Full PDB file with SEQRES, HELIX, SHEET, SSBOND, CRYST1, ORIGX, SCALE, CONECT and MASTER records, all heavy atoms in Angstrom:
SEQRES   1 A   43  GLY THR MET GLY LEU VAL GLN SER GLU SER LEU ASP ARG          
SEQRES   2 A   43  ARG PHE PHE ASN ARG LEU GLY ALA SER ARG LEU ASP ARG          
SEQRES   3 A   43  THR ILE CYS ALA SER ALA GLY ALA MET GLY TRP LYS ALA          
SEQRES   4 A   43  THR VAL GLY ALA                                              
HELIX    1 AA1 LEU A    5  SER A    8  1                                   4    
HELIX    2 AA2 LEU A   11  LEU A   19  1                                   9    
HELIX    3 AA3 SER A   31  VAL A   41  1                                  11    
CRYST1    1.000    1.000    1.000  90.00  90.00  90.00 P 1           1          
ORIGX1      1.000000  0.000000  0.000000        0.00000                         
ORIGX2      0.000000  1.000000  0.000000        0.00000                         
ORIGX3      0.000000  0.000000  1.000000        0.00000                         
SCALE1      1.000000  0.000000  0.000000        0.00000                         
SCALE2      0.000000  1.000000  0.000000        0.00000                         
SCALE3      0.000000  0.000000  1.000000        0.00000                         
ATOM      1  N   GLY A   1     -11.069   2.696  51.087  1.00  0.00           N  
ATOM      2  CA  GLY A   1     -12.093   2.915  51.977  1.00  0.00           C  
ATOM      3  C   GLY A   1     -12.625   4.351  51.893  1.00  0.00           C  
ATOM      4  O   GLY A   1     -13.854   4.602  52.132  1.00  0.00           O  
ATOM      5  N   THR A   2     -11.792   5.252  51.489  1.00  0.00           N  
ATOM      6  CA  THR A   2     -12.194   6.526  50.999  1.00  0.00           C  
ATOM      7  C   THR A   2     -11.376   6.832  49.829  1.00  0.00           C  
ATOM      8  O   THR A   2     -10.273   6.477  49.705  1.00  0.00           O  
ATOM      9  CB  THR A   2     -12.106   7.726  51.961  1.00  0.00           C  
ATOM     10  OG1 THR A   2     -12.484   8.940  51.390  1.00  0.00           O  
ATOM     11  CG2 THR A   2     -10.695   7.782  52.530  1.00  0.00           C  
ATOM     12  N   MET A   3     -12.014   7.431  48.728  1.00  0.00           N  
ATOM     13  CA  MET A   3     -11.312   7.601  47.421  1.00  0.00           C  
ATOM     14  C   MET A   3     -10.794   9.085  47.316  1.00  0.00           C  
ATOM     15  O   MET A   3     -10.270   9.432  46.296  1.00  0.00           O  
ATOM     16  CB  MET A   3     -12.290   7.292  46.327  1.00  0.00           C  
ATOM     17  CG  MET A   3     -12.718   5.932  46.176  1.00  0.00           C  
ATOM     18  SD  MET A   3     -11.488   4.804  45.551  1.00  0.00           S  
ATOM     19  CE  MET A   3     -11.435   5.268  43.862  1.00  0.00           C  
ATOM     20  N   GLY A   4     -10.972   9.798  48.409  1.00  0.00           N  
ATOM     21  CA  GLY A   4     -10.616  11.245  48.303  1.00  0.00           C  
ATOM     22  C   GLY A   4      -9.016  11.412  48.238  1.00  0.00           C  
ATOM     23  O   GLY A   4      -8.313  10.736  48.864  1.00  0.00           O  
ATOM     24  N   LEU A   5      -8.613  12.427  47.572  1.00  0.00           N  
ATOM     25  CA  LEU A   5      -7.231  12.611  47.364  1.00  0.00           C  
ATOM     26  C   LEU A   5      -6.527  13.133  48.689  1.00  0.00           C  
ATOM     27  O   LEU A   5      -5.357  12.837  48.879  1.00  0.00           O  
ATOM     28  CB  LEU A   5      -7.009  13.672  46.211  1.00  0.00           C  
ATOM     29  CG  LEU A   5      -7.398  13.359  44.865  1.00  0.00           C  
ATOM     30  CD1 LEU A   5      -7.209  14.524  43.854  1.00  0.00           C  
ATOM     31  CD2 LEU A   5      -6.546  12.066  44.402  1.00  0.00           C  
ATOM     32  N   VAL A   6      -7.311  13.857  49.535  1.00  0.00           N  
ATOM     33  CA  VAL A   6      -6.765  14.395  50.773  1.00  0.00           C  
ATOM     34  C   VAL A   6      -6.616  13.249  51.760  1.00  0.00           C  
ATOM     35  O   VAL A   6      -5.532  13.131  52.454  1.00  0.00           O  
ATOM     36  CB  VAL A   6      -7.537  15.527  51.284  1.00  0.00           C  
ATOM     37  CG1 VAL A   6      -7.045  16.029  52.659  1.00  0.00           C  
ATOM     38  CG2 VAL A   6      -7.659  16.652  50.264  1.00  0.00           C  
ATOM     39  N   GLN A   7      -7.643  12.503  52.024  1.00  0.00           N  
ATOM     40  CA  GLN A   7      -7.698  11.473  53.074  1.00  0.00           C  
ATOM     41  C   GLN A   7      -7.101  10.173  52.751  1.00  0.00           C  
ATOM     42  O   GLN A   7      -7.014   9.404  53.580  1.00  0.00           O  
ATOM     43  CB  GLN A   7      -9.139  11.414  53.605  1.00  0.00           C  
ATOM     44  CG  GLN A   7      -9.756  12.645  54.207  1.00  0.00           C  
ATOM     45  CD  GLN A   7      -8.981  13.219  55.330  1.00  0.00           C  
ATOM     46  OE1 GLN A   7      -8.223  12.559  56.072  1.00  0.00           O  
ATOM     47  NE2 GLN A   7      -9.137  14.478  55.516  1.00  0.00           N  
ATOM     48  N   SER A   8      -6.825   9.971  51.446  1.00  0.00           N  
ATOM     49  CA  SER A   8      -6.381   8.671  51.068  1.00  0.00           C  
ATOM     50  C   SER A   8      -4.924   8.662  50.378  1.00  0.00           C  
ATOM     51  O   SER A   8      -4.364   7.556  50.393  1.00  0.00           O  
ATOM     52  CB  SER A   8      -7.283   7.943  50.104  1.00  0.00           C  
ATOM     53  OG  SER A   8      -7.191   8.491  48.824  1.00  0.00           O  
ATOM     54  N   GLU A   9      -4.466   9.812  49.970  1.00  0.00           N  
ATOM     55  CA  GLU A   9      -3.153   9.697  49.350  1.00  0.00           C  
ATOM     56  C   GLU A   9      -2.448  11.070  49.365  1.00  0.00           C  
ATOM     57  O   GLU A   9      -1.918  11.536  48.445  1.00  0.00           O  
ATOM     58  CB  GLU A   9      -3.272   9.274  47.873  1.00  0.00           C  
ATOM     59  CG  GLU A   9      -4.410   9.873  47.024  1.00  0.00           C  
ATOM     60  CD  GLU A   9      -4.485   9.209  45.710  1.00  0.00           C  
ATOM     61  OE1 GLU A   9      -3.525   9.243  44.931  1.00  0.00           O  
ATOM     62  OE2 GLU A   9      -5.608   8.658  45.404  1.00  0.00           O  
ATOM     63  N   SER A  10      -2.346  11.598  50.529  1.00  0.00           N  
ATOM     64  CA  SER A  10      -1.581  12.904  50.736  1.00  0.00           C  
ATOM     65  C   SER A  10      -0.740  12.711  51.922  1.00  0.00           C  
ATOM     66  O   SER A  10       0.488  12.277  51.906  1.00  0.00           O  
ATOM     67  CB  SER A  10      -2.515  14.066  50.784  1.00  0.00           C  
ATOM     68  OG  SER A  10      -3.316  14.013  52.032  1.00  0.00           O  
ATOM     69  N   LEU A  11      -1.175  13.203  53.118  1.00  0.00           N  
ATOM     70  CA  LEU A  11      -0.278  13.245  54.336  1.00  0.00           C  
ATOM     71  C   LEU A  11       0.138  11.817  54.782  1.00  0.00           C  
ATOM     72  O   LEU A  11       1.211  11.684  55.303  1.00  0.00           O  
ATOM     73  CB  LEU A  11      -1.075  13.978  55.424  1.00  0.00           C  
ATOM     74  CG  LEU A  11      -0.748  15.434  55.575  1.00  0.00           C  
ATOM     75  CD1 LEU A  11      -1.527  16.137  56.676  1.00  0.00           C  
ATOM     76  CD2 LEU A  11       0.776  15.722  55.785  1.00  0.00           C  
ATOM     77  N   ASP A  12      -0.695  10.868  54.466  1.00  0.00           N  
ATOM     78  CA  ASP A  12      -0.258   9.454  54.815  1.00  0.00           C  
ATOM     79  C   ASP A  12       0.991   9.093  53.993  1.00  0.00           C  
ATOM     80  O   ASP A  12       1.970   8.605  54.614  1.00  0.00           O  
ATOM     81  CB  ASP A  12      -1.384   8.454  54.454  1.00  0.00           C  
ATOM     82  CG  ASP A  12      -1.896   8.487  53.068  1.00  0.00           C  
ATOM     83  OD1 ASP A  12      -1.921   9.543  52.487  1.00  0.00           O  
ATOM     84  OD2 ASP A  12      -2.172   7.380  52.513  1.00  0.00           O  
ATOM     85  N   ARG A  13       0.992   9.386  52.733  1.00  0.00           N  
ATOM     86  CA  ARG A  13       2.122   9.081  51.886  1.00  0.00           C  
ATOM     87  C   ARG A  13       3.349   9.847  52.332  1.00  0.00           C  
ATOM     88  O   ARG A  13       4.482   9.293  52.291  1.00  0.00           O  
ATOM     89  CB  ARG A  13       1.938   9.319  50.382  1.00  0.00           C  
ATOM     90  CG  ARG A  13       0.551   8.671  49.914  1.00  0.00           C  
ATOM     91  CD  ARG A  13       0.499   7.118  50.005  1.00  0.00           C  
ATOM     92  NE  ARG A  13      -0.864   6.629  49.713  1.00  0.00           N  
ATOM     93  CZ  ARG A  13      -1.286   6.337  48.549  1.00  0.00           C  
ATOM     94  NH1 ARG A  13      -0.507   6.425  47.549  1.00  0.00           N  
ATOM     95  NH2 ARG A  13      -2.519   5.878  48.437  1.00  0.00           N  
ATOM     96  N   ARG A  14       3.139  11.149  52.683  1.00  0.00           N  
ATOM     97  CA  ARG A  14       4.291  12.003  53.068  1.00  0.00           C  
ATOM     98  C   ARG A  14       4.866  11.509  54.324  1.00  0.00           C  
ATOM     99  O   ARG A  14       6.032  11.474  54.553  1.00  0.00           O  
ATOM    100  CB  ARG A  14       3.723  13.409  53.278  1.00  0.00           C  
ATOM    101  CG  ARG A  14       3.228  14.058  51.962  1.00  0.00           C  
ATOM    102  CD  ARG A  14       2.713  15.489  52.284  1.00  0.00           C  
ATOM    103  NE  ARG A  14       1.980  16.068  51.213  1.00  0.00           N  
ATOM    104  CZ  ARG A  14       1.476  17.343  51.129  1.00  0.00           C  
ATOM    105  NH1 ARG A  14       1.649  18.119  52.147  1.00  0.00           N  
ATOM    106  NH2 ARG A  14       0.880  17.668  50.083  1.00  0.00           N  
ATOM    107  N   PHE A  15       3.995  11.069  55.290  1.00  0.00           N  
ATOM    108  CA  PHE A  15       4.465  10.595  56.581  1.00  0.00           C  
ATOM    109  C   PHE A  15       5.228   9.383  56.442  1.00  0.00           C  
ATOM    110  O   PHE A  15       6.484   9.263  56.964  1.00  0.00           O  
ATOM    111  CB  PHE A  15       3.330  10.406  57.542  1.00  0.00           C  
ATOM    112  CG  PHE A  15       3.690   9.822  58.824  1.00  0.00           C  
ATOM    113  CD1 PHE A  15       4.240  10.521  59.911  1.00  0.00           C  
ATOM    114  CD2 PHE A  15       3.544   8.507  59.048  1.00  0.00           C  
ATOM    115  CE1 PHE A  15       4.648   9.923  61.089  1.00  0.00           C  
ATOM    116  CE2 PHE A  15       3.924   7.826  60.197  1.00  0.00           C  
ATOM    117  CZ  PHE A  15       4.471   8.505  61.240  1.00  0.00           C  
ATOM    118  N   PHE A  16       4.706   8.422  55.742  1.00  0.00           N  
ATOM    119  CA  PHE A  16       5.497   7.123  55.622  1.00  0.00           C  
ATOM    120  C   PHE A  16       6.727   7.283  54.687  1.00  0.00           C  
ATOM    121  O   PHE A  16       7.755   6.613  54.914  1.00  0.00           O  
ATOM    122  CB  PHE A  16       4.553   5.986  55.174  1.00  0.00           C  
ATOM    123  CG  PHE A  16       3.532   5.544  56.257  1.00  0.00           C  
ATOM    124  CD1 PHE A  16       2.254   5.881  56.078  1.00  0.00           C  
ATOM    125  CD2 PHE A  16       4.037   4.863  57.353  1.00  0.00           C  
ATOM    126  CE1 PHE A  16       1.422   5.396  57.189  1.00  0.00           C  
ATOM    127  CE2 PHE A  16       3.190   4.507  58.434  1.00  0.00           C  
ATOM    128  CZ  PHE A  16       1.811   4.778  58.231  1.00  0.00           C  
ATOM    129  N   ASN A  17       6.670   8.197  53.789  1.00  0.00           N  
ATOM    130  CA  ASN A  17       7.890   8.522  52.945  1.00  0.00           C  
ATOM    131  C   ASN A  17       9.032   9.072  53.861  1.00  0.00           C  
ATOM    132  O   ASN A  17      10.203   8.674  53.735  1.00  0.00           O  
ATOM    133  CB  ASN A  17       7.533   9.479  51.850  1.00  0.00           C  
ATOM    134  CG  ASN A  17       6.983   8.735  50.676  1.00  0.00           C  
ATOM    135  OD1 ASN A  17       7.239   7.637  50.399  1.00  0.00           O  
ATOM    136  ND2 ASN A  17       6.178   9.411  49.813  1.00  0.00           N  
ATOM    137  N   ARG A  18       8.651  10.107  54.729  1.00  0.00           N  
ATOM    138  CA  ARG A  18       9.564  10.756  55.612  1.00  0.00           C  
ATOM    139  C   ARG A  18      10.138   9.724  56.658  1.00  0.00           C  
ATOM    140  O   ARG A  18      11.312   9.714  56.913  1.00  0.00           O  
ATOM    141  CB  ARG A  18       8.940  11.925  56.281  1.00  0.00           C  
ATOM    142  CG  ARG A  18       9.799  12.550  57.324  1.00  0.00           C  
ATOM    143  CD  ARG A  18      11.108  13.047  56.752  1.00  0.00           C  
ATOM    144  NE  ARG A  18      11.918  13.704  57.806  1.00  0.00           N  
ATOM    145  CZ  ARG A  18      12.781  12.885  58.579  1.00  0.00           C  
ATOM    146  NH1 ARG A  18      12.974  11.657  58.340  1.00  0.00           N  
ATOM    147  NH2 ARG A  18      13.588  13.509  59.386  1.00  0.00           N  
ATOM    148  N   LEU A  19       9.259   8.853  57.058  1.00  0.00           N  
ATOM    149  CA  LEU A  19       9.684   7.774  57.982  1.00  0.00           C  
ATOM    150  C   LEU A  19      10.677   6.819  57.405  1.00  0.00           C  
ATOM    151  O   LEU A  19      11.494   6.181  58.098  1.00  0.00           O  
ATOM    152  CB  LEU A  19       8.415   7.082  58.461  1.00  0.00           C  
ATOM    153  CG  LEU A  19       8.646   6.043  59.680  1.00  0.00           C  
ATOM    154  CD1 LEU A  19       9.197   6.661  60.906  1.00  0.00           C  
ATOM    155  CD2 LEU A  19       7.307   5.428  59.959  1.00  0.00           C  
ATOM    156  N   GLY A  20      10.622   6.670  56.036  1.00  0.00           N  
ATOM    157  CA  GLY A  20      11.459   5.578  55.311  1.00  0.00           C  
ATOM    158  C   GLY A  20      10.888   4.280  55.425  1.00  0.00           C  
ATOM    159  O   GLY A  20      11.563   3.222  55.209  1.00  0.00           O  
ATOM    160  N   ALA A  21       9.515   4.119  55.625  1.00  0.00           N  
ATOM    161  CA  ALA A  21       8.808   2.953  55.751  1.00  0.00           C  
ATOM    162  C   ALA A  21       8.810   2.217  54.356  1.00  0.00           C  
ATOM    163  O   ALA A  21       9.105   2.756  53.324  1.00  0.00           O  
ATOM    164  CB  ALA A  21       7.412   3.094  56.230  1.00  0.00           C  
ATOM    165  N   SER A  22       8.472   0.915  54.404  1.00  0.00           N  
ATOM    166  CA  SER A  22       8.195   0.204  53.182  1.00  0.00           C  
ATOM    167  C   SER A  22       6.979   0.793  52.414  1.00  0.00           C  
ATOM    168  O   SER A  22       6.088   1.405  53.107  1.00  0.00           O  
ATOM    169  CB  SER A  22       7.857  -1.318  53.444  1.00  0.00           C  
ATOM    170  OG  SER A  22       8.916  -2.012  53.845  1.00  0.00           O  
ATOM    171  N   ARG A  23       6.957   0.811  51.143  1.00  0.00           N  
ATOM    172  CA  ARG A  23       5.861   1.329  50.456  1.00  0.00           C  
ATOM    173  C   ARG A  23       4.890   0.173  50.021  1.00  0.00           C  
ATOM    174  O   ARG A  23       5.380  -0.923  49.978  1.00  0.00           O  
ATOM    175  CB  ARG A  23       6.389   1.976  49.131  1.00  0.00           C  
ATOM    176  CG  ARG A  23       7.169   3.308  49.481  1.00  0.00           C  
ATOM    177  CD  ARG A  23       7.810   3.878  48.278  1.00  0.00           C  
ATOM    178  NE  ARG A  23       8.452   5.206  48.655  1.00  0.00           N  
ATOM    179  CZ  ARG A  23       9.169   5.912  47.806  1.00  0.00           C  
ATOM    180  NH1 ARG A  23       9.526   5.496  46.568  1.00  0.00           N  
ATOM    181  NH2 ARG A  23       9.605   7.087  48.273  1.00  0.00           N  
ATOM    182  N   LEU A  24       3.701   0.456  49.879  1.00  0.00           N  
ATOM    183  CA  LEU A  24       2.705  -0.513  49.554  1.00  0.00           C  
ATOM    184  C   LEU A  24       2.322  -0.361  48.068  1.00  0.00           C  
ATOM    185  O   LEU A  24       2.015   0.638  47.594  1.00  0.00           O  
ATOM    186  CB  LEU A  24       1.464  -0.220  50.345  1.00  0.00           C  
ATOM    187  CG  LEU A  24       0.347  -1.335  50.303  1.00  0.00           C  
ATOM    188  CD1 LEU A  24       0.772  -2.553  50.993  1.00  0.00           C  
ATOM    189  CD2 LEU A  24      -1.027  -0.794  50.856  1.00  0.00           C  
ATOM    190  N   ASP A  25       2.468  -1.516  47.463  1.00  0.00           N  
ATOM    191  CA  ASP A  25       2.006  -1.665  46.084  1.00  0.00           C  
ATOM    192  C   ASP A  25       0.533  -2.024  46.089  1.00  0.00           C  
ATOM    193  O   ASP A  25       0.051  -3.118  46.431  1.00  0.00           O  
ATOM    194  CB  ASP A  25       2.782  -2.842  45.324  1.00  0.00           C  
ATOM    195  CG  ASP A  25       2.695  -2.780  43.851  1.00  0.00           C  
ATOM    196  OD1 ASP A  25       2.043  -1.853  43.367  1.00  0.00           O  
ATOM    197  OD2 ASP A  25       3.224  -3.705  43.180  1.00  0.00           O  
ATOM    198  N   ARG A  26      -0.232  -0.949  45.743  1.00  0.00           N  
ATOM    199  CA  ARG A  26      -1.725  -1.050  45.853  1.00  0.00           C  
ATOM    200  C   ARG A  26      -2.388  -1.646  44.675  1.00  0.00           C  
ATOM    201  O   ARG A  26      -2.773  -1.040  43.749  1.00  0.00           O  
ATOM    202  CB  ARG A  26      -2.299   0.350  46.203  1.00  0.00           C  
ATOM    203  CG  ARG A  26      -1.838   0.867  47.580  1.00  0.00           C  
ATOM    204  CD  ARG A  26      -2.262   2.336  47.872  1.00  0.00           C  
ATOM    205  NE  ARG A  26      -2.043   2.633  49.243  1.00  0.00           N  
ATOM    206  CZ  ARG A  26      -0.828   3.007  49.709  1.00  0.00           C  
ATOM    207  NH1 ARG A  26       0.237   3.098  48.961  1.00  0.00           N  
ATOM    208  NH2 ARG A  26      -0.702   3.271  51.089  1.00  0.00           N  
ATOM    209  N   THR A  27      -2.469  -2.974  44.671  1.00  0.00           N  
ATOM    210  CA  THR A  27      -2.846  -3.784  43.505  1.00  0.00           C  
ATOM    211  C   THR A  27      -4.210  -4.515  43.692  1.00  0.00           C  
ATOM    212  O   THR A  27      -4.528  -5.223  42.693  1.00  0.00           O  
ATOM    213  CB  THR A  27      -1.775  -4.931  43.318  1.00  0.00           C  
ATOM    214  OG1 THR A  27      -1.726  -5.747  44.530  1.00  0.00           O  
ATOM    215  CG2 THR A  27      -0.371  -4.371  43.091  1.00  0.00           C  
ATOM    216  N   ILE A  28      -4.890  -4.439  44.824  1.00  0.00           N  
ATOM    217  CA  ILE A  28      -5.977  -5.344  45.146  1.00  0.00           C  
ATOM    218  C   ILE A  28      -7.144  -5.324  44.200  1.00  0.00           C  
ATOM    219  O   ILE A  28      -7.886  -6.292  44.138  1.00  0.00           O  
ATOM    220  CB  ILE A  28      -6.421  -4.986  46.570  1.00  0.00           C  
ATOM    221  CG1 ILE A  28      -7.205  -6.271  47.284  1.00  0.00           C  
ATOM    222  CG2 ILE A  28      -7.334  -3.798  46.590  1.00  0.00           C  
ATOM    223  CD1 ILE A  28      -6.216  -7.400  47.663  1.00  0.00           C  
ATOM    224  N   CYS A  29      -7.299  -4.241  43.442  1.00  0.00           N  
ATOM    225  CA  CYS A  29      -8.430  -4.173  42.464  1.00  0.00           C  
ATOM    226  C   CYS A  29      -8.143  -4.235  41.070  1.00  0.00           C  
ATOM    227  O   CYS A  29      -8.653  -5.096  40.304  1.00  0.00           O  
ATOM    228  CB  CYS A  29      -9.262  -2.959  42.892  1.00  0.00           C  
ATOM    229  SG  CYS A  29     -10.737  -2.752  41.873  1.00  0.00           S  
ATOM    230  N   ALA A  30      -7.340  -3.324  40.605  1.00  0.00           N  
ATOM    231  CA  ALA A  30      -7.315  -2.917  39.151  1.00  0.00           C  
ATOM    232  C   ALA A  30      -6.062  -2.942  38.468  1.00  0.00           C  
ATOM    233  O   ALA A  30      -5.910  -2.625  37.318  1.00  0.00           O  
ATOM    234  CB  ALA A  30      -7.893  -1.494  39.058  1.00  0.00           C  
ATOM    235  N   SER A  31      -4.957  -3.420  39.157  1.00  0.00           N  
ATOM    236  CA  SER A  31      -3.548  -3.192  38.582  1.00  0.00           C  
ATOM    237  C   SER A  31      -3.359  -4.020  37.265  1.00  0.00           C  
ATOM    238  O   SER A  31      -2.801  -3.496  36.470  1.00  0.00           O  
ATOM    239  CB  SER A  31      -2.553  -3.498  39.603  1.00  0.00           C  
ATOM    240  OG  SER A  31      -2.596  -4.883  40.017  1.00  0.00           O  
ATOM    241  N   ALA A  32      -3.870  -5.187  37.207  1.00  0.00           N  
ATOM    242  CA  ALA A  32      -3.678  -6.048  36.046  1.00  0.00           C  
ATOM    243  C   ALA A  32      -4.344  -5.452  34.834  1.00  0.00           C  
ATOM    244  O   ALA A  32      -3.795  -5.250  33.807  1.00  0.00           O  
ATOM    245  CB  ALA A  32      -4.137  -7.465  36.296  1.00  0.00           C  
ATOM    246  N   GLY A  33      -5.665  -5.118  34.983  1.00  0.00           N  
ATOM    247  CA  GLY A  33      -6.428  -4.510  33.890  1.00  0.00           C  
ATOM    248  C   GLY A  33      -5.822  -3.135  33.484  1.00  0.00           C  
ATOM    249  O   GLY A  33      -5.655  -2.818  32.257  1.00  0.00           O  
ATOM    250  N   ALA A  34      -5.383  -2.358  34.514  1.00  0.00           N  
ATOM    251  CA  ALA A  34      -4.846  -1.030  34.155  1.00  0.00           C  
ATOM    252  C   ALA A  34      -3.544  -1.224  33.327  1.00  0.00           C  
ATOM    253  O   ALA A  34      -3.326  -0.416  32.442  1.00  0.00           O  
ATOM    254  CB  ALA A  34      -4.485  -0.258  35.490  1.00  0.00           C  
ATOM    255  N   MET A  35      -2.698  -2.146  33.639  1.00  0.00           N  
ATOM    256  CA  MET A  35      -1.514  -2.359  32.897  1.00  0.00           C  
ATOM    257  C   MET A  35      -1.704  -2.811  31.389  1.00  0.00           C  
ATOM    258  O   MET A  35      -1.193  -2.422  30.497  1.00  0.00           O  
ATOM    259  CB  MET A  35      -0.500  -3.371  33.532  1.00  0.00           C  
ATOM    260  CG  MET A  35       0.795  -3.489  32.977  1.00  0.00           C  
ATOM    261  SD  MET A  35       1.913  -4.487  33.970  1.00  0.00           S  
ATOM    262  CE  MET A  35       3.396  -4.541  32.817  1.00  0.00           C  
ATOM    263  N   GLY A  36      -2.732  -3.806  31.281  1.00  0.00           N  
ATOM    264  CA  GLY A  36      -3.053  -4.279  30.074  1.00  0.00           C  
ATOM    265  C   GLY A  36      -3.720  -3.131  29.144  1.00  0.00           C  
ATOM    266  O   GLY A  36      -3.345  -3.016  27.962  1.00  0.00           O  
ATOM    267  N   TRP A  37      -4.482  -2.309  29.665  1.00  0.00           N  
ATOM    268  CA  TRP A  37      -5.157  -1.185  29.001  1.00  0.00           C  
ATOM    269  C   TRP A  37      -4.135  -0.185  28.622  1.00  0.00           C  
ATOM    270  O   TRP A  37      -4.091   0.236  27.435  1.00  0.00           O  
ATOM    271  CB  TRP A  37      -6.245  -0.573  29.981  1.00  0.00           C  
ATOM    272  CG  TRP A  37      -6.823   0.604  29.280  1.00  0.00           C  
ATOM    273  CD1 TRP A  37      -6.627   1.861  29.406  1.00  0.00           C  
ATOM    274  CD2 TRP A  37      -8.101   0.547  28.565  1.00  0.00           C  
ATOM    275  NE1 TRP A  37      -7.535   2.692  28.698  1.00  0.00           N  
ATOM    276  CE2 TRP A  37      -8.414   1.908  28.191  1.00  0.00           C  
ATOM    277  CE3 TRP A  37      -8.930  -0.512  28.151  1.00  0.00           C  
ATOM    278  CZ2 TRP A  37      -9.525   2.085  27.387  1.00  0.00           C  
ATOM    279  CZ3 TRP A  37     -10.110  -0.223  27.421  1.00  0.00           C  
ATOM    280  CH2 TRP A  37     -10.439   1.064  27.032  1.00  0.00           C  
ATOM    281  N   LYS A  38      -3.211   0.149  29.604  1.00  0.00           N  
ATOM    282  CA  LYS A  38      -2.193   1.221  29.224  1.00  0.00           C  
ATOM    283  C   LYS A  38      -1.180   0.727  28.196  1.00  0.00           C  
ATOM    284  O   LYS A  38      -0.752   1.590  27.465  1.00  0.00           O  
ATOM    285  CB  LYS A  38      -1.537   1.669  30.506  1.00  0.00           C  
ATOM    286  CG  LYS A  38      -2.436   2.362  31.493  1.00  0.00           C  
ATOM    287  CD  LYS A  38      -1.802   2.691  32.792  1.00  0.00           C  
ATOM    288  CE  LYS A  38      -2.736   3.461  33.703  1.00  0.00           C  
ATOM    289  NZ  LYS A  38      -2.075   3.651  35.101  1.00  0.00           N  
ATOM    290  N   ALA A  39      -0.879  -0.585  28.185  1.00  0.00           N  
ATOM    291  CA  ALA A  39      -0.031  -1.034  27.131  1.00  0.00           C  
ATOM    292  C   ALA A  39      -0.565  -0.912  25.790  1.00  0.00           C  
ATOM    293  O   ALA A  39       0.164  -0.798  24.853  1.00  0.00           O  
ATOM    294  CB  ALA A  39       0.320  -2.544  27.400  1.00  0.00           C  
ATOM    295  N   THR A  40      -1.962  -0.789  25.747  1.00  0.00           N  
ATOM    296  CA  THR A  40      -2.568  -0.704  24.390  1.00  0.00           C  
ATOM    297  C   THR A  40      -2.931   0.685  24.070  1.00  0.00           C  
ATOM    298  O   THR A  40      -2.771   1.161  22.894  1.00  0.00           O  
ATOM    299  CB  THR A  40      -3.819  -1.629  24.521  1.00  0.00           C  
ATOM    300  OG1 THR A  40      -3.496  -2.927  24.972  1.00  0.00           O  
ATOM    301  CG2 THR A  40      -4.455  -1.703  23.059  1.00  0.00           C  
ATOM    302  N   VAL A  41      -3.607   1.362  25.123  1.00  0.00           N  
ATOM    303  CA  VAL A  41      -4.119   2.697  24.754  1.00  0.00           C  
ATOM    304  C   VAL A  41      -3.319   3.852  25.352  1.00  0.00           C  
ATOM    305  O   VAL A  41      -3.357   4.913  24.870  1.00  0.00           O  
ATOM    306  CB  VAL A  41      -5.595   2.738  25.544  1.00  0.00           C  
ATOM    307  CG1 VAL A  41      -6.210   4.057  25.399  1.00  0.00           C  
ATOM    308  CG2 VAL A  41      -6.530   1.800  24.772  1.00  0.00           C  
ATOM    309  N   GLY A  42      -2.520   3.572  26.413  1.00  0.00           N  
ATOM    310  CA  GLY A  42      -1.596   4.516  26.980  1.00  0.00           C  
ATOM    311  C   GLY A  42      -1.994   5.154  28.242  1.00  0.00           C  
ATOM    312  O   GLY A  42      -1.052   5.641  28.995  1.00  0.00           O  
ATOM    313  N   ALA A  43      -3.197   5.274  28.594  1.00  0.00           N  
ATOM    314  CA  ALA A  43      -3.627   5.886  29.886  1.00  0.00           C  
ATOM    315  C   ALA A  43      -4.981   5.420  30.200  1.00  0.00           C  
ATOM    316  O   ALA A  43      -5.673   4.830  29.320  1.00  0.00           O  
ATOM    317  CB  ALA A  43      -3.604   7.319  29.672  1.00  0.00           C  
TER     318      ALA A  43                                                      
MASTER        0    0    0    3    0    0    0    6  317    1    0    4          
END                                                                             
C-alpha cells in the first residue's frame, strides 16, 4: 500500500518481532518469479 522503507518495513517489523508474533510470508505479487529469476541470475 506504500512502498517506502520507513512506513512499510521498519518499525512494524521491529514491533511484531519484539512481540514474538507470527511472521508474514509476503508472496502476493512476485515471489514465484523472483525465485525463478534468482535461481538463474542470482539477484
